[in-house]
Protein backbone atom coordinates (compact mmCIF):
# COMPACT_ATOMS: atom_id res chain seq x y z
CA MET A 1 -38.11 -34.57 -58.68
CA PRO A 2 -34.65 -36.02 -57.97
CA SER A 3 -31.70 -34.45 -59.70
CA SER A 4 -30.91 -37.47 -61.87
CA THR A 5 -34.50 -37.60 -63.10
CA ALA A 6 -34.46 -33.87 -63.86
CA SER A 7 -31.22 -34.09 -65.81
CA ARG A 8 -32.53 -37.11 -67.75
CA ALA A 9 -35.69 -35.13 -68.59
CA ASN A 10 -33.57 -32.16 -69.73
CA ARG A 11 -31.52 -34.41 -72.01
CA LEU A 12 -34.71 -35.82 -73.52
CA LEU A 13 -36.14 -32.36 -74.06
CA ARG A 14 -32.95 -31.18 -75.75
CA ARG A 15 -33.01 -34.13 -78.16
CA ALA A 16 -36.71 -33.74 -78.98
CA SER A 17 -37.68 -32.16 -82.25
CA ASP A 18 -39.55 -28.86 -82.22
CA HIS A 19 -42.66 -30.72 -83.36
CA ASP A 20 -42.41 -33.30 -80.56
CA LEU A 21 -41.80 -30.56 -78.02
CA SER A 22 -44.86 -28.69 -79.24
CA GLU A 23 -47.06 -31.78 -79.09
CA HIS A 24 -45.91 -32.62 -75.58
CA PHE A 25 -46.53 -29.01 -74.55
CA ASN A 26 -50.11 -29.31 -75.81
CA GLU A 27 -50.58 -32.54 -73.86
CA VAL A 28 -49.41 -31.11 -70.53
CA SER A 29 -50.93 -27.66 -70.95
CA ARG A 30 -54.03 -28.79 -69.05
CA GLN A 31 -51.95 -28.49 -65.85
CA ARG A 32 -54.24 -30.65 -63.78
CA THR A 33 -51.45 -32.28 -61.82
CA ALA A 34 -48.21 -31.07 -60.32
CA ASP A 35 -46.29 -33.29 -62.77
CA GLU A 36 -48.04 -31.70 -65.75
CA THR A 37 -47.31 -28.25 -64.39
CA ALA A 38 -43.64 -29.15 -63.89
CA ALA A 39 -43.45 -30.60 -67.41
CA TRP A 40 -45.08 -27.44 -68.78
CA TYR A 41 -42.42 -25.25 -67.16
CA GLN A 42 -39.63 -27.54 -68.37
CA ILE A 43 -40.90 -27.40 -71.94
CA LEU A 44 -41.24 -23.62 -71.79
CA ALA A 45 -37.67 -23.35 -70.51
CA GLU A 46 -36.44 -25.58 -73.35
CA MET A 47 -38.32 -23.51 -75.94
CA GLU A 48 -36.79 -20.32 -74.53
CA ARG A 49 -33.33 -21.91 -74.53
CA ARG A 50 -33.74 -22.82 -78.21
CA ASP A 51 -34.98 -19.32 -79.08
CA GLU A 52 -32.00 -17.73 -77.31
CA LEU A 53 -29.61 -20.11 -79.06
CA THR A 54 -31.13 -19.19 -82.42
CA GLU A 55 -30.74 -15.48 -81.62
CA ARG A 56 -27.11 -15.92 -80.49
CA ARG A 57 -26.29 -17.86 -83.65
CA ALA A 58 -27.89 -15.19 -85.84
CA ALA A 59 -25.94 -12.45 -84.04
CA ALA A 60 -22.70 -14.42 -84.42
CA ARG A 61 -23.42 -14.93 -88.12
CA GLU A 62 -24.01 -11.19 -88.57
CA ARG A 63 -20.73 -10.35 -86.78
CA TYR A 64 -18.87 -12.86 -88.96
CA GLN A 65 -20.40 -11.46 -92.15
CA ALA A 66 -19.53 -7.90 -91.08
CA THR A 67 -15.94 -8.99 -90.42
CA VAL A 68 -15.66 -10.71 -93.80
CA LEU A 69 -17.19 -7.73 -95.58
CA GLY A 70 -14.78 -5.37 -93.79
CA ARG A 71 -11.80 -7.47 -94.83
CA ARG A 72 -12.99 -7.57 -98.44
CA PHE A 73 -13.44 -3.81 -98.40
CA GLU A 74 -9.92 -3.30 -97.03
CA ARG A 75 -8.41 -5.56 -99.70
CA ALA A 76 -10.36 -3.92 -102.50
CA ARG A 77 -9.30 -0.41 -101.50
CA PRO A 78 -6.21 0.76 -103.36
CA SER A 79 -3.20 1.14 -101.18
CA SER A 80 -2.37 4.76 -100.41
CA THR A 81 1.26 4.19 -99.49
CA PRO A 82 3.74 6.04 -101.79
CA MET A 83 6.46 4.11 -103.56
């Protein structure tokens, strides 16, 4: 597959909804031809990319919430500096 065709396919996969991706995966899962096998691997890679992105976003959200909670805790604690 030429590079321009591969990059066009990747762009299409990235824009596809999860439902469309799943349906296309079911269509090519027969793997009777080399093209179907290649499409199967591309779809699997896109699904993994989306899963990893979801996990990274969840981890970032948890870090952000921990930071916000820490700041709130620091502000709520009475200051211990003598006057």
